[in-house]
Amino acid sequence: MFTSKFKKKIKILDDSFTKFVISKSINEPYVYFIPTNKLEEETKFFNALAQGKSYEPKFEYEKKLINII
């Protein structure tokens, strides 16, 4: 179970990461972390889960150049 200290550390890391991404002039920082096949893999995952099976999603990401100024 997560402790409040651990949650605070995760929040600090997340904030630091967000500031880093924004500081590198990436206009839409989180678009780089959204899989192009998110819906399909979620469907496969939850269908397998409903049948009592396991499924490891195989996410694909769009390759984009990051413009660092």
N, C-alpha and C. Protein backbone atom coordinates (compact mmCIF):
# COMPACT_ATOMS: atom_id res chain seq x y z
N MET A 1 0.85 -1.18 0.00
CA MET A 1 0.00 0.00 0.00
C MET A 1 0.89 1.24 0.00
N PHE A 2 0.44 2.26 -0.72
CA PHE A 2 1.23 3.48 -0.83
C PHE A 2 1.17 4.29 0.46
N THR A 3 2.31 4.78 0.84
CA THR A 3 2.34 5.66 2.00
C THR A 3 2.27 7.09 1.51
N SER A 4 1.96 8.00 2.40
CA SER A 4 1.85 9.40 2.00
C SER A 4 3.21 9.96 1.57
N LYS A 5 4.31 9.47 2.19
CA LYS A 5 5.64 9.92 1.80
C LYS A 5 5.93 9.52 0.35
N PHE A 6 5.59 8.28 0.01
CA PHE A 6 5.81 7.79 -1.34
C PHE A 6 5.00 8.59 -2.34
N LYS A 7 3.74 8.86 -2.01
CA LYS A 7 2.88 9.65 -2.90
C LYS A 7 3.44 11.05 -3.11
N LYS A 8 3.98 11.64 -2.04
CA LYS A 8 4.56 12.98 -2.16
C LYS A 8 5.79 12.96 -3.06
N LYS A 9 6.62 11.92 -2.95
CA LYS A 9 7.81 11.81 -3.80
C LYS A 9 7.41 11.64 -5.27
N ILE A 10 6.40 10.83 -5.51
CA ILE A 10 5.91 10.65 -6.88
C ILE A 10 5.40 11.97 -7.43
N LYS A 11 4.66 12.72 -6.64
CA LYS A 11 4.13 14.02 -7.06
C LYS A 11 5.27 14.98 -7.40
N ILE A 12 6.32 15.00 -6.57
CA ILE A 12 7.47 15.86 -6.82
C ILE A 12 8.16 15.47 -8.13
N LEU A 13 8.34 14.16 -8.34
CA LEU A 13 8.95 13.69 -9.58
C LEU A 13 8.11 14.05 -10.80
N ASP A 14 6.80 13.88 -10.69
CA ASP A 14 5.90 14.21 -11.78
C ASP A 14 5.95 15.70 -12.10
N ASP A 15 5.94 16.53 -11.07
CA ASP A 15 6.03 17.98 -11.28
C ASP A 15 7.36 18.36 -11.93
N SER A 16 8.43 17.74 -11.48
CA SER A 16 9.75 18.02 -12.05
C SER A 16 9.81 17.60 -13.51
N PHE A 17 9.25 16.44 -13.81
CA PHE A 17 9.24 15.97 -15.19
C PHE A 17 8.43 16.91 -16.08
N THR A 18 7.27 17.32 -15.61
CA THR A 18 6.43 18.25 -16.38
C THR A 18 7.17 19.55 -16.65
N LYS A 19 7.82 20.10 -15.64
CA LYS A 19 8.57 21.35 -15.82
C LYS A 19 9.70 21.16 -16.83
N PHE A 20 10.38 20.02 -16.76
CA PHE A 20 11.46 19.73 -17.70
C PHE A 20 10.94 19.69 -19.14
N VAL A 21 9.85 18.97 -19.35
CA VAL A 21 9.29 18.84 -20.70
C VAL A 21 8.87 20.19 -21.24
N ILE A 22 8.19 20.97 -20.41
CA ILE A 22 7.74 22.29 -20.85
C ILE A 22 8.93 23.21 -21.10
N SER A 23 9.96 23.10 -20.29
CA SER A 23 11.14 23.96 -20.46
C SER A 23 11.88 23.67 -21.75
N LYS A 24 11.69 22.49 -22.31
CA LYS A 24 12.36 22.12 -23.55
C LYS A 24 11.53 22.48 -24.78
N SER A 25 10.56 23.36 -24.59
CA SER A 25 9.75 23.91 -25.68
C SER A 25 8.93 22.86 -26.43
N ILE A 26 8.46 21.87 -25.73
CA ILE A 26 7.57 20.90 -26.34
C ILE A 26 6.16 21.44 -26.13
N ASN A 27 5.48 21.77 -27.23
CA ASN A 27 4.17 22.43 -27.13
C ASN A 27 3.09 21.55 -26.52
N GLU A 28 3.10 20.28 -26.85
CA GLU A 28 2.09 19.37 -26.33
C GLU A 28 2.81 18.20 -25.66
N PRO A 29 3.28 18.40 -24.43
CA PRO A 29 4.18 17.41 -23.82
C PRO A 29 3.61 16.01 -23.70
N TYR A 30 2.35 15.86 -23.38
CA TYR A 30 1.85 14.51 -23.11
C TYR A 30 1.42 13.76 -24.35
N VAL A 31 1.35 14.42 -25.49
CA VAL A 31 0.97 13.73 -26.72
C VAL A 31 2.03 12.69 -27.10
N TYR A 32 3.24 12.86 -26.64
CA TYR A 32 4.31 11.91 -26.94
C TYR A 32 4.17 10.61 -26.15
N PHE A 33 3.30 10.57 -25.17
CA PHE A 33 3.16 9.41 -24.31
C PHE A 33 1.82 8.72 -24.46
N ILE A 34 1.05 9.09 -25.48
CA ILE A 34 -0.25 8.48 -25.70
C ILE A 34 -0.11 7.48 -26.86
N PRO A 35 -0.35 6.20 -26.61
CA PRO A 35 -0.20 5.19 -27.66
C PRO A 35 -1.20 5.41 -28.79
N THR A 36 -0.78 5.10 -30.02
CA THR A 36 -1.68 5.24 -31.17
C THR A 36 -2.73 4.13 -31.19
N ASN A 37 -2.44 3.02 -30.52
CA ASN A 37 -3.38 1.89 -30.48
C ASN A 37 -3.98 1.68 -29.09
N LYS A 38 -4.16 2.76 -28.37
CA LYS A 38 -4.63 2.71 -26.98
C LYS A 38 -5.97 1.99 -26.85
N LEU A 39 -6.95 2.37 -27.65
CA LEU A 39 -8.29 1.79 -27.55
C LEU A 39 -8.28 0.29 -27.84
N GLU A 40 -7.57 -0.12 -28.88
CA GLU A 40 -7.53 -1.54 -29.24
C GLU A 40 -6.88 -2.37 -28.13
N GLU A 41 -5.78 -1.88 -27.58
CA GLU A 41 -5.09 -2.64 -26.54
C GLU A 41 -5.89 -2.66 -25.24
N GLU A 42 -6.57 -1.57 -24.93
CA GLU A 42 -7.44 -1.57 -23.74
C GLU A 42 -8.54 -2.60 -23.89
N THR A 43 -9.13 -2.67 -25.07
CA THR A 43 -10.20 -3.63 -25.34
C THR A 43 -9.70 -5.06 -25.16
N LYS A 44 -8.53 -5.35 -25.75
CA LYS A 44 -7.95 -6.70 -25.61
C LYS A 44 -7.66 -7.01 -24.14
N PHE A 45 -7.13 -6.04 -23.42
CA PHE A 45 -6.79 -6.24 -22.02
C PHE A 45 -8.03 -6.56 -21.19
N PHE A 46 -9.08 -5.74 -21.34
CA PHE A 46 -10.27 -5.95 -20.51
C PHE A 46 -11.06 -7.18 -20.93
N ASN A 47 -11.02 -7.54 -22.22
CA ASN A 47 -11.66 -8.78 -22.65
C ASN A 47 -10.96 -9.99 -22.03
N ALA A 48 -9.64 -9.97 -22.03
CA ALA A 48 -8.88 -11.06 -21.41
C ALA A 48 -9.15 -11.12 -19.91
N LEU A 49 -9.18 -9.96 -19.28
CA LEU A 49 -9.44 -9.89 -17.84
C LEU A 49 -10.81 -10.47 -17.49
N ALA A 50 -11.81 -10.16 -18.31
CA ALA A 50 -13.17 -10.66 -18.08
C ALA A 50 -13.23 -12.19 -18.20
N GLN A 51 -12.31 -12.75 -18.98
CA GLN A 51 -12.26 -14.22 -19.16
C GLN A 51 -11.31 -14.88 -18.16
N GLY A 52 -10.77 -14.08 -17.25
CA GLY A 52 -9.85 -14.62 -16.25
C GLY A 52 -8.45 -14.89 -16.79
N LYS A 53 -8.14 -14.30 -17.92
CA LYS A 53 -6.82 -14.48 -18.53
C LYS A 53 -6.00 -13.22 -18.34
N SER A 54 -4.72 -13.33 -18.61
CA SER A 54 -3.87 -12.14 -18.54
C SER A 54 -3.48 -11.74 -19.96
N TYR A 55 -3.26 -10.47 -20.15
CA TYR A 55 -2.84 -9.95 -21.45
C TYR A 55 -1.93 -8.75 -21.22
N GLU A 56 -0.78 -8.79 -21.83
CA GLU A 56 0.19 -7.70 -21.73
C GLU A 56 0.00 -6.79 -22.94
N PRO A 57 -0.51 -5.57 -22.74
CA PRO A 57 -0.72 -4.66 -23.87
C PRO A 57 0.58 -4.38 -24.62
N LYS A 58 0.47 -4.27 -25.93
CA LYS A 58 1.61 -3.95 -26.79
C LYS A 58 1.34 -2.60 -27.43
N PHE A 59 1.67 -1.56 -26.70
CA PHE A 59 1.38 -0.21 -27.16
C PHE A 59 2.37 0.23 -28.23
N GLU A 60 1.85 1.01 -29.18
CA GLU A 60 2.67 1.59 -30.24
C GLU A 60 2.57 3.10 -30.12
N TYR A 61 3.68 3.77 -30.35
CA TYR A 61 3.73 5.22 -30.22
C TYR A 61 4.16 5.85 -31.53
N GLU A 62 3.59 6.98 -31.84
CA GLU A 62 3.97 7.72 -33.03
C GLU A 62 5.38 8.28 -32.81
N LYS A 63 6.20 8.13 -33.82
CA LYS A 63 7.56 8.66 -33.72
C LYS A 63 7.54 10.11 -34.14
N LYS A 64 7.86 10.99 -33.20
CA LYS A 64 7.87 12.42 -33.47
C LYS A 64 9.22 12.98 -33.08
N LEU A 65 9.65 13.94 -33.84
CA LEU A 65 10.88 14.65 -33.46
C LEU A 65 10.55 15.67 -32.41
N ILE A 66 11.41 15.79 -31.44
CA ILE A 66 11.21 16.78 -30.37
C ILE A 66 12.08 17.98 -30.70
N ASN A 67 11.46 19.13 -30.79
CA ASN A 67 12.17 20.37 -31.11
C ASN A 67 12.67 20.99 -29.81
N ILE A 68 13.95 20.81 -29.54
CA ILE A 68 14.56 21.38 -28.35
C ILE A 68 15.32 22.63 -28.75
N ILE A 69 14.94 23.72 -28.14
CA ILE A 69 15.59 25.01 -28.45
C ILE A 69 16.70 25.27 -27.48
